[in-house]
């Protein structure tokens, strides 16, 4: 059962969880989000909300988030160095 809270263009609709936890995304919302039958979606909990995203959307968001990182900078190397320093401090205690 779907109940629109606003007009057809609204991105907020009420949906009901079916048997076995199944959820139907209304057609208007699927079109708005460019979701198509067979698409893989990543589901995650975020601050008490269910978030569904295409993997491609996540990749684009992450690329944009780290686009300012200099090409010659290795975040992996920095993380490893931080972890090693943290381990040294723990061993010293």
PDB file of N, CA and C in Angstrom:
ATOM      1  N   UNK A   1       0.841  -1.170   0.000  1.00  0.00           N
ATOM      2  CA  UNK A   1       0.000   0.000   0.000  1.00  0.00           C
ATOM      3  C   UNK A   1       0.891   1.239   0.000  1.00  0.00           C
ATOM      4  N   UNK A   2       0.588   2.186  -0.876  1.00  0.00           N
ATOM      5  CA  UNK A   2       1.385   3.409  -0.996  1.00  0.00           C
ATOM      6  C   UNK A   2       0.469   4.600  -0.756  1.00  0.00           C
ATOM      7  N   UNK A   3       0.921   5.524   0.020  1.00  0.00           N
ATOM      8  CA  UNK A   3       0.145   6.721   0.312  1.00  0.00           C
ATOM      9  C   UNK A   3       1.041   7.928   0.103  1.00  0.00           C
ATOM     10  N   UNK A   4       0.704   8.789  -0.868  1.00  0.00           N
ATOM     11  CA  UNK A   4       1.493   9.996  -1.107  1.00  0.00           C
ATOM     12  C   UNK A   4       1.224  11.012  -0.015  1.00  0.00           C
ATOM     13  N   UNK A   5       2.271  11.591   0.522  1.00  0.00           N
ATOM     14  CA  UNK A   5       2.121  12.641   1.515  1.00  0.00           C
ATOM     15  C   UNK A   5       1.938  14.004   0.857  1.00  0.00           C
ATOM     16  N   UNK A   6       2.383  14.129  -0.388  1.00  0.00           N
ATOM     17  CA  UNK A   6       2.252  15.383  -1.118  1.00  0.00           C
ATOM     18  C   UNK A   6       1.801  15.061  -2.539  1.00  0.00           C
ATOM     19  N   UNK A   7       2.244  15.818  -3.511  1.00  0.00           N
ATOM     20  CA  UNK A   7       1.851  15.582  -4.892  1.00  0.00           C
ATOM     21  C   UNK A   7       2.689  14.481  -5.534  1.00  0.00           C
ATOM     22  N   UNK A   8       2.430  14.165  -6.810  1.00  0.00           N
ATOM     23  CA  UNK A   8       3.118  13.090  -7.527  1.00  0.00           C
ATOM     24  C   UNK A   8       4.629  13.283  -7.560  1.00  0.00           C
ATOM     25  N   UNK A   9       5.099  14.530  -7.534  1.00  0.00           N
ATOM     26  CA  UNK A   9       6.531  14.804  -7.602  1.00  0.00           C
ATOM     27  C   UNK A   9       7.204  14.699  -6.241  1.00  0.00           C
ATOM     28  N   UNK A  10       6.409  14.484  -5.210  1.00  0.00           N
ATOM     29  CA  UNK A  10       6.963  14.387  -3.857  1.00  0.00           C
ATOM     30  C   UNK A  10       7.929  13.223  -3.753  1.00  0.00           C
ATOM     31  N   UNK A  11       8.999  13.446  -3.014  1.00  0.00           N
ATOM     32  CA  UNK A  11       9.962  12.370  -2.786  1.00  0.00           C
ATOM     33  C   UNK A  11       9.677  11.681  -1.463  1.00  0.00           C
ATOM     34  N   UNK A  12       8.608  12.052  -0.801  1.00  0.00           N
ATOM     35  CA  UNK A  12       8.239  11.460   0.475  1.00  0.00           C
ATOM     36  C   UNK A  12       6.926  10.709   0.311  1.00  0.00           C
ATOM     37  N   UNK A  13       6.978   9.413   0.453  1.00  0.00           N
ATOM     38  CA  UNK A  13       5.774   8.585   0.363  1.00  0.00           C
ATOM     39  C   UNK A  13       5.773   7.588   1.508  1.00  0.00           C
ATOM     40  N   UNK A  14       4.588   7.179   1.882  1.00  0.00           N
ATOM     41  CA  UNK A  14       4.465   6.167   2.924  1.00  0.00           C
ATOM     42  C   UNK A  14       4.388   4.804   2.263  1.00  0.00           C
ATOM     43  N   UNK A  15       5.191   3.884   2.731  1.00  0.00           N
ATOM     44  CA  UNK A  15       5.167   2.512   2.223  1.00  0.00           C
ATOM     45  C   UNK A  15       5.049   1.581   3.425  1.00  0.00           C
ATOM     46  N   UNK A  16       4.609   0.364   3.153  1.00  0.00           N
ATOM     47  CA  UNK A  16       4.447  -0.602   4.231  1.00  0.00           C
ATOM     48  C   UNK A  16       5.326  -1.809   3.964  1.00  0.00           C
ATOM     49  N   UNK A  17       5.948  -2.282   5.010  1.00  0.00           N
ATOM     50  CA  UNK A  17       6.791  -3.458   4.934  1.00  0.00           C
ATOM     51  C   UNK A  17       5.909  -4.685   4.776  1.00  0.00           C
ATOM     52  N   UNK A  18       6.219  -5.481   3.777  1.00  0.00           N
ATOM     53  CA  UNK A  18       5.448  -6.687   3.522  1.00  0.00           C
ATOM     54  C   UNK A  18       6.035  -7.891   4.224  1.00  0.00           C
ATOM     55  N   UNK A  19       5.495  -9.031   3.862  1.00  0.00           N
ATOM     56  CA  UNK A  19       6.002 -10.285   4.423  1.00  0.00           C
ATOM     57  C   UNK A  19       7.484 -10.426   4.131  1.00  0.00           C
ATOM     58  N   UNK A  20       8.171 -11.029   5.049  1.00  0.00           N
ATOM     59  CA  UNK A  20       9.602 -11.278   4.929  1.00  0.00           C
ATOM     60  C   UNK A  20      10.405  -9.989   4.756  1.00  0.00           C
ATOM     61  N   UNK A  21       9.850  -8.863   5.219  1.00  0.00           N
ATOM     62  CA  UNK A  21      10.572  -7.596   5.180  1.00  0.00           C
ATOM     63  C   UNK A  21      10.653  -6.960   3.808  1.00  0.00           C
ATOM     64  N   UNK A  22       9.810  -7.394   2.902  1.00  0.00           N
ATOM     65  CA  UNK A  22       9.865  -6.844   1.537  1.00  0.00           C
ATOM     66  C   UNK A  22       9.262  -5.452   1.485  1.00  0.00           C
ATOM     67  N   UNK A  23       9.897  -4.623   0.684  1.00  0.00           N
ATOM     68  CA  UNK A  23       9.496  -3.233   0.539  1.00  0.00           C
ATOM     69  C   UNK A  23       9.397  -2.922  -0.945  1.00  0.00           C
ATOM     70  N   UNK A  24       8.304  -2.312  -1.357  1.00  0.00           N
ATOM     71  CA  UNK A  24       8.137  -1.907  -2.751  1.00  0.00           C
ATOM     72  C   UNK A  24       8.394  -0.414  -2.843  1.00  0.00           C
ATOM     73  N   UNK A  25       9.330  -0.036  -3.709  1.00  0.00           N
ATOM     74  CA  UNK A  25       9.613   1.384  -3.940  1.00  0.00           C
ATOM     75  C   UNK A  25       8.631   1.861  -5.007  1.00  0.00           C
ATOM     76  N   UNK A  26       7.814   2.859  -4.712  1.00  0.00           N
ATOM     77  CA  UNK A  26       6.821   3.330  -5.674  1.00  0.00           C
ATOM     78  C   UNK A  26       7.456   3.760  -7.001  1.00  0.00           C
ATOM     79  N   UNK A  27       6.723   3.536  -8.094  1.00  0.00           N
ATOM     80  CA  UNK A  27       7.233   3.800  -9.440  1.00  0.00           C
ATOM     81  C   UNK A  27       7.728   5.237  -9.612  1.00  0.00           C
ATOM     82  N   UNK A  28       6.977   6.208  -9.116  1.00  0.00           N
ATOM     83  CA  UNK A  28       7.386   7.612  -9.281  1.00  0.00           C
ATOM     84  C   UNK A  28       8.730   7.865  -8.596  1.00  0.00           C
ATOM     85  N   UNK A  29       8.931   7.261  -7.444  1.00  0.00           N
ATOM     86  CA  UNK A  29      10.188   7.426  -6.730  1.00  0.00           C
ATOM     87  C   UNK A  29      11.317   6.690  -7.441  1.00  0.00           C
ATOM     88  N   UNK A  30      11.027   5.499  -7.961  1.00  0.00           N
ATOM     89  CA  UNK A  30      12.046   4.760  -8.739  1.00  0.00           C
ATOM     90  C   UNK A  30      12.476   5.572  -9.944  1.00  0.00           C
ATOM     91  N   UNK A  31      11.514   6.174 -10.640  1.00  0.00           N
ATOM     92  CA  UNK A  31      11.857   6.996 -11.817  1.00  0.00           C
ATOM     93  C   UNK A  31      12.690   8.199 -11.401  1.00  0.00           C
ATOM     94  N   UNK A  32      12.296   8.850 -10.319  1.00  0.00           N
ATOM     95  CA  UNK A  32      13.016  10.029  -9.832  1.00  0.00           C
ATOM     96  C   UNK A  32      14.464   9.702  -9.497  1.00  0.00           C
ATOM     97  N   UNK A  33      14.695   8.489  -8.971  1.00  0.00           N
ATOM     98  CA  UNK A  33      16.031   8.071  -8.569  1.00  0.00           C
ATOM     99  C   UNK A  33      16.770   7.297  -9.653  1.00  0.00           C
ATOM    100  N   UNK A  34      16.127   7.109 -10.793  1.00  0.00           N
ATOM    101  CA  UNK A  34      16.684   6.330 -11.906  1.00  0.00           C
ATOM    102  C   UNK A  34      16.982   4.889 -11.491  1.00  0.00           C
ATOM    103  N   UNK A  35      16.141   4.335 -10.613  1.00  0.00           N
ATOM    104  CA  UNK A  35      16.237   2.930 -10.244  1.00  0.00           C
ATOM    105  C   UNK A  35      15.468   2.122 -11.273  1.00  0.00           C
ATOM    106  N   UNK A  36      16.068   1.049 -11.756  1.00  0.00           N
ATOM    107  CA  UNK A  36      15.413   0.176 -12.727  1.00  0.00           C
ATOM    108  C   UNK A  36      15.416  -1.255 -12.216  1.00  0.00           C
ATOM    109  N   UNK A  37      14.492  -2.049 -12.733  1.00  0.00           N
ATOM    110  CA  UNK A  37      14.424  -3.459 -12.346  1.00  0.00           C
ATOM    111  C   UNK A  37      15.783  -4.112 -12.576  1.00  0.00           C
ATOM    112  N   UNK A  38      16.231  -4.870 -11.600  1.00  0.00           N
ATOM    113  CA  UNK A  38      17.517  -5.550 -11.710  1.00  0.00           C
ATOM    114  C   UNK A  38      18.694  -4.765 -11.185  1.00  0.00           C
ATOM    115  N   UNK A  39      18.510  -3.475 -10.873  1.00  0.00           N
ATOM    116  CA  UNK A  39      19.608  -2.682 -10.317  1.00  0.00           C
ATOM    117  C   UNK A  39      20.036  -3.252  -8.974  1.00  0.00           C
ATOM    118  N   UNK A  40      21.338  -3.241  -8.733  1.00  0.00           N
ATOM    119  CA  UNK A  40      21.864  -3.586  -7.415  1.00  0.00           C
ATOM    120  C   UNK A  40      21.842  -2.314  -6.577  1.00  0.00           C
ATOM    121  N   UNK A  41      21.365  -2.425  -5.357  1.00  0.00           N
ATOM    122  CA  UNK A  41      21.340  -1.292  -4.435  1.00  0.00           C
ATOM    123  C   UNK A  41      22.075  -1.682  -3.166  1.00  0.00           C
ATOM    124  N   UNK A  42      22.790  -0.728  -2.611  1.00  0.00           N
ATOM    125  CA  UNK A  42      23.462  -0.924  -1.340  1.00  0.00           C
ATOM    126  C   UNK A  42      22.543  -0.346  -0.264  1.00  0.00           C
ATOM    127  N   UNK A  43      22.220  -1.163   0.744  1.00  0.00           N
ATOM    128  CA  UNK A  43      21.363  -0.725   1.847  1.00  0.00           C
ATOM    129  C   UNK A  43      22.229  -0.542   3.082  1.00  0.00           C
ATOM    130  N   UNK A  44      22.004   0.582   3.787  1.00  0.00           N
ATOM    131  CA  UNK A  44      22.729   0.807   5.026  1.00  0.00           C
ATOM    132  C   UNK A  44      21.848   1.606   5.984  1.00  0.00           C
ATOM    133  N   UNK A  45      22.174   1.473   7.258  1.00  0.00           N
ATOM    134  CA  UNK A  45      21.490   2.246   8.277  1.00  0.00           C
ATOM    135  C   UNK A  45      22.331   3.487   8.538  1.00  0.00           C
ATOM    136  N   UNK A  46      21.693   4.624   8.556  1.00  0.00           N
ATOM    137  CA  UNK A  46      22.393   5.894   8.795  1.00  0.00           C
ATOM    138  C   UNK A  46      21.535   6.745   9.722  1.00  0.00           C
ATOM    139  N   UNK A  47      22.006   6.882  10.958  1.00  0.00           N
ATOM    140  CA  UNK A  47      21.304   7.701  11.956  1.00  0.00           C
ATOM    141  C   UNK A  47      19.828   7.320  12.070  1.00  0.00           C
ATOM    142  N   UNK A  48      19.562   6.013  12.140  1.00  0.00           N
ATOM    143  CA  UNK A  48      18.202   5.531  12.307  1.00  0.00           C
ATOM    144  C   UNK A  48      17.361   5.526  11.046  1.00  0.00           C
ATOM    145  N   UNK A  49      17.980   5.767   9.902  1.00  0.00           N
ATOM    146  CA  UNK A  49      17.264   5.781   8.622  1.00  0.00           C
ATOM    147  C   UNK A  49      17.794   4.675   7.734  1.00  0.00           C
ATOM    148  N   UNK A  50      16.948   4.180   6.844  1.00  0.00           N
ATOM    149  CA  UNK A  50      17.370   3.225   5.826  1.00  0.00           C
ATOM    150  C   UNK A  50      17.747   4.012   4.580  1.00  0.00           C
ATOM    151  N   UNK A  51      18.957   3.792   4.092  1.00  0.00           N
ATOM    152  CA  UNK A  51      19.438   4.480   2.893  1.00  0.00           C
ATOM    153  C   UNK A  51      19.710   3.428   1.831  1.00  0.00           C
ATOM    154  N   UNK A  52      19.160   3.617   0.636  1.00  0.00           N
ATOM    155  CA  UNK A  52      19.392   2.742  -0.506  1.00  0.00           C
ATOM    156  C   UNK A  52      20.088   3.549  -1.585  1.00  0.00           C
ATOM    157  N   UNK A  53      21.209   3.035  -2.085  1.00  0.00           N
ATOM    158  CA  UNK A  53      21.953   3.744  -3.125  1.00  0.00           C
ATOM    159  C   UNK A  53      22.521   2.758  -4.131  1.00  0.00           C
ATOM    160  N   UNK A  54      22.666   3.235  -5.351  1.00  0.00           N
ATOM    161  CA  UNK A  54      23.378   2.451  -6.358  1.00  0.00           C
ATOM    162  C   UNK A  54      24.871   2.513  -6.041  1.00  0.00           C
ATOM    163  N   UNK A  55      25.599   1.425  -6.283  1.00  0.00           N
ATOM    164  CA  UNK A  55      27.052   1.454  -6.053  1.00  0.00           C
ATOM    165  C   UNK A  55      27.736   2.592  -6.822  1.00  0.00           C
ATOM    166  N   UNK A  56      27.258   2.878  -8.018  1.00  0.00           N
ATOM    167  CA  UNK A  56      27.858   3.941  -8.836  1.00  0.00           C
ATOM    168  C   UNK A  56      27.715   5.294  -8.146  1.00  0.00           C
ATOM    169  N   UNK A  57      26.572   5.518  -7.496  1.00  0.00           N
ATOM    170  CA  UNK A  57      26.334   6.776  -6.784  1.00  0.00           C
ATOM    171  C   UNK A  57      27.311   6.925  -5.631  1.00  0.00           C
ATOM    172  N   UNK A  58      27.548   5.833  -4.928  1.00  0.00           N
ATOM    173  CA  UNK A  58      28.492   5.844  -3.809  1.00  0.00           C
ATOM    174  C   UNK A  58      29.900   6.161  -4.312  1.00  0.00           C
ATOM    175  N   UNK A  59      30.285   5.516  -5.417  1.00  0.00           N
ATOM    176  CA  UNK A  59      31.617   5.754  -5.985  1.00  0.00           C
ATOM    177  C   UNK A  59      31.798   7.218  -6.379  1.00  0.00           C
ATOM    178  N   UNK A  60      30.785   7.788  -7.027  1.00  0.00           N
ATOM    179  CA  UNK A  60      30.871   9.195  -7.443  1.00  0.00           C
ATOM    180  C   UNK A  60      30.988  10.118  -6.235  1.00  0.00           C
ATOM    181  N   UNK A  61      30.214   9.828  -5.169  1.00  0.00           N
ATOM    182  CA  UNK A  61      30.273  10.649  -3.965  1.00  0.00           C
ATOM    183  C   UNK A  61      31.655  10.568  -3.323  1.00  0.00           C
ATOM    184  N   UNK A  62      32.229   9.359  -3.266  1.00  0.00           N
ATOM    185  CA  UNK A  62      33.558   9.203  -2.676  1.00  0.00           C
ATOM    186  C   UNK A  62      34.637   9.873  -3.514  1.00  0.00           C
ATOM    187  N   UNK A  63      34.523   9.758  -4.838  1.00  0.00           N
ATOM    188  CA  UNK A  63      35.492  10.439  -5.707  1.00  0.00           C
ATOM    189  C   UNK A  63      35.446  11.946  -5.487  1.00  0.00           C
ATOM    190  N   UNK A  64      34.232  12.491  -5.384  1.00  0.00           N
ATOM    191  CA  UNK A  64      34.091  13.929  -5.157  1.00  0.00           C
ATOM    192  C   UNK A  64      34.657  14.315  -3.797  1.00  0.00           C
ATOM    193  N   UNK A  65      34.411  13.474  -2.803  1.00  0.00           N
ATOM    194  CA  UNK A  65      34.876  13.760  -1.444  1.00  0.00           C
ATOM    195  C   UNK A  65      36.404  13.820  -1.370  1.00  0.00           C
ATOM    196  N   UNK A  66      37.085  12.948  -2.117  1.00  0.00           N
ATOM    197  CA  UNK A  66      38.543  12.885  -2.052  1.00  0.00           C
ATOM    198  C   UNK A  66      39.221  13.532  -3.257  1.00  0.00           C
ATOM    199  N   UNK A  67      38.482  14.266  -4.045  1.00  0.00           N
ATOM    200  CA  UNK A  67      39.056  14.871  -5.252  1.00  0.00           C
ATOM    201  C   UNK A  67      40.114  15.924  -4.933  1.00  0.00           C
ATOM    202  N   UNK A  68      40.071  16.486  -3.734  1.00  0.00           N
ATOM    203  CA  UNK A  68      41.026  17.521  -3.354  1.00  0.00           C
ATOM    204  C   UNK A  68      42.340  16.946  -2.835  1.00  0.00           C
ATOM    205  N   UNK A  69      42.391  15.628  -2.644  1.00  0.00           N
ATOM    206  CA  UNK A  69      43.619  15.001  -2.150  1.00  0.00           C
ATOM    207  C   UNK A  69      44.659  15.026  -3.267  1.00  0.00           C
ATOM    208  N   UNK A  70      45.860  15.480  -2.928  1.00  0.00           N
ATOM    209  CA  UNK A  70      46.921  15.562  -3.927  1.00  0.00           C
ATOM    210  C   UNK A  70      47.252  14.176  -4.461  1.00  0.00           C
ATOM    211  N   UNK A  71      47.541  14.096  -5.739  1.00  0.00           N
ATOM    212  CA  UNK A  71      47.811  12.814  -6.403  1.00  0.00           C
ATOM    213  C   UNK A  71      49.022  12.096  -5.814  1.00  0.00           C
ATOM    214  N   UNK A  72      50.008  12.838  -5.338  1.00  0.00           N
ATOM    215  CA  UNK A  72      51.218  12.207  -4.808  1.00  0.00           C
ATOM    216  C   UNK A  72      51.099  11.867  -3.313  1.00  0.00           C
ATOM    217  N   UNK A  73      49.939  12.103  -2.730  1.00  0.00           N
ATOM    218  CA  UNK A  73      49.709  11.811  -1.314  1.00  0.00           C
ATOM    219  C   UNK A  73      49.042  10.440  -1.187  1.00  0.00           C
ATOM    220  N   UNK A  74      49.579   9.597  -0.324  1.00  0.00           N
ATOM    221  CA  UNK A  74      49.014   8.261  -0.114  1.00  0.00           C
ATOM    222  C   UNK A  74      48.290   8.212   1.230  1.00  0.00           C
ATOM    223  N   UNK A  75      46.978   8.208   1.182  1.00  0.00           N
ATOM    224  CA  UNK A  75      46.203   8.124   2.412  1.00  0.00           C
ATOM    225  C   UNK A  75      46.417   6.777   3.095  1.00  0.00           C
ATOM    226  N   UNK A  76      46.654   5.750   2.307  1.00  0.00           N
ATOM    227  CA  UNK A  76      46.917   4.422   2.861  1.00  0.00           C
ATOM    228  C   UNK A  76      48.203   4.438   3.681  1.00  0.00           C
ATOM    229  N   UNK A  77      49.257   5.020   3.112  1.00  0.00           N
ATOM    230  CA  UNK A  77      50.530   5.104   3.837  1.00  0.00           C
ATOM    231  C   UNK A  77      50.373   5.911   5.125  1.00  0.00           C
ATOM    232  N   UNK A  78      49.599   6.990   5.061  1.00  0.00           N
ATOM    233  CA  UNK A  78      49.376   7.808   6.250  1.00  0.00           C
ATOM    234  C   UNK A  78      48.619   7.027   7.321  1.00  0.00           C
ATOM    235  N   UNK A  79      47.627   6.256   6.922  1.00  0.00           N
ATOM    236  CA  UNK A  79      46.858   5.455   7.859  1.00  0.00           C
ATOM    237  C   UNK A  79      47.737   4.391   8.518  1.00  0.00           C
ATOM    238  N   UNK A  80      48.543   3.725   7.712  1.00  0.00           N
ATOM    239  CA  UNK A  80      49.458   2.708   8.256  1.00  0.00           C
ATOM    240  C   UNK A  80      50.422   3.336   9.252  1.00  0.00           C
ATOM    241  N   UNK A  81      50.967   4.491   8.919  1.00  0.00           N
ATOM    242  CA  UNK A  81      51.891   5.173   9.830  1.00  0.00           C
ATOM    243  C   UNK A  81      51.189   5.550  11.133  1.00  0.00           C
ATOM    244  N   UNK A  82      49.954   6.038  11.047  1.00  0.00           N
ATOM    245  CA  UNK A  82      49.182   6.379  12.247  1.00  0.00           C
ATOM    246  C   UNK A  82      48.959   5.148  13.114  1.00  0.00           C
ATOM    247  N   UNK A  83      48.592   4.036  12.492  1.00  0.00           N
ATOM    248  CA  UNK A  83      48.335   2.794  13.233  1.00  0.00           C
ATOM    249  C   UNK A  83      49.604   2.285  13.912  1.00  0.00           C
ATOM    250  N   UNK A  84      50.730   2.403  13.234  1.00  0.00           N
ATOM    251  CA  UNK A  84      52.006   1.973  13.826  1.00  0.00           C
ATOM    252  C   UNK A  84      52.352   2.826  15.044  1.00  0.00           C
ATOM    253  N   UNK A  85      52.167   4.131  14.941  1.00  0.00           N
ATOM    254  CA  UNK A  85      52.434   5.027  16.059  1.00  0.00           C
ATOM    255  C   UNK A  85      51.502   4.709  17.232  1.00  0.00           C
ATOM    256  N   UNK A  86      50.253   4.437  16.916  1.00  0.00           N
ATOM    257  CA  UNK A  86      49.287   4.103  17.960  1.00  0.00           C
ATOM    258  C   UNK A  86      49.674   2.797  18.656  1.00  0.00           C
ATOM    259  N   UNK A  87      50.129   1.816  17.885  1.00  0.00           N
ATOM    260  CA  UNK A  87      50.563   0.535  18.445  1.00  0.00           C
ATOM    261  C   UNK A  87      51.779   0.734  19.350  1.00  0.00           C
ATOM    262  N   UNK A  88      52.709   1.606  18.936  1.00  0.00           N
ATOM    263  CA  UNK A  88      53.895   1.883  19.761  1.00  0.00           C
ATOM    264  C   UNK A  88      53.480   2.490  21.112  1.00  0.00           C
ATOM    265  N   UNK A  89      52.526   3.439  21.057  1.00  0.00           N
ATOM    266  CA  UNK A  89      52.065   4.069  22.292  1.00  0.00           C
ATOM    267  C   UNK A  89      51.392   3.054  23.207  1.00  0.00           C
ATOM    268  N   UNK A  90      50.614   2.146  22.624  1.00  0.00           N
ATOM    269  CA  UNK A  90      49.934   1.116  23.429  1.00  0.00           C
ATOM    270  C   UNK A  90      50.949   0.170  24.062  1.00  0.00           C
ATOM    271  N   UNK A  91      51.991  -0.191  23.315  1.00  0.00           N
ATOM    272  CA  UNK A  91      53.036  -1.081  23.843  1.00  0.00           C
ATOM    273  C   UNK A  91      53.806  -0.403  24.975  1.00  0.00           C
ATOM    274  N   UNK A  92      53.964   0.905  24.891  1.00  0.00           N
ATOM    275  CA  UNK A  92      54.710   1.646  25.905  1.00  0.00           C
ATOM    276  C   UNK A  92      53.932   1.768  27.213  1.00  0.00           C
ATOM    277  N   UNK A  93      52.655   1.621  27.170  1.00  0.00           N
ATOM    278  CA  UNK A  93      51.821   1.780  28.381  1.00  0.00           C
ATOM    279  C   UNK A  93      51.861   0.593  29.275  1.00  0.00           C
TER     280      UNK A  93
END
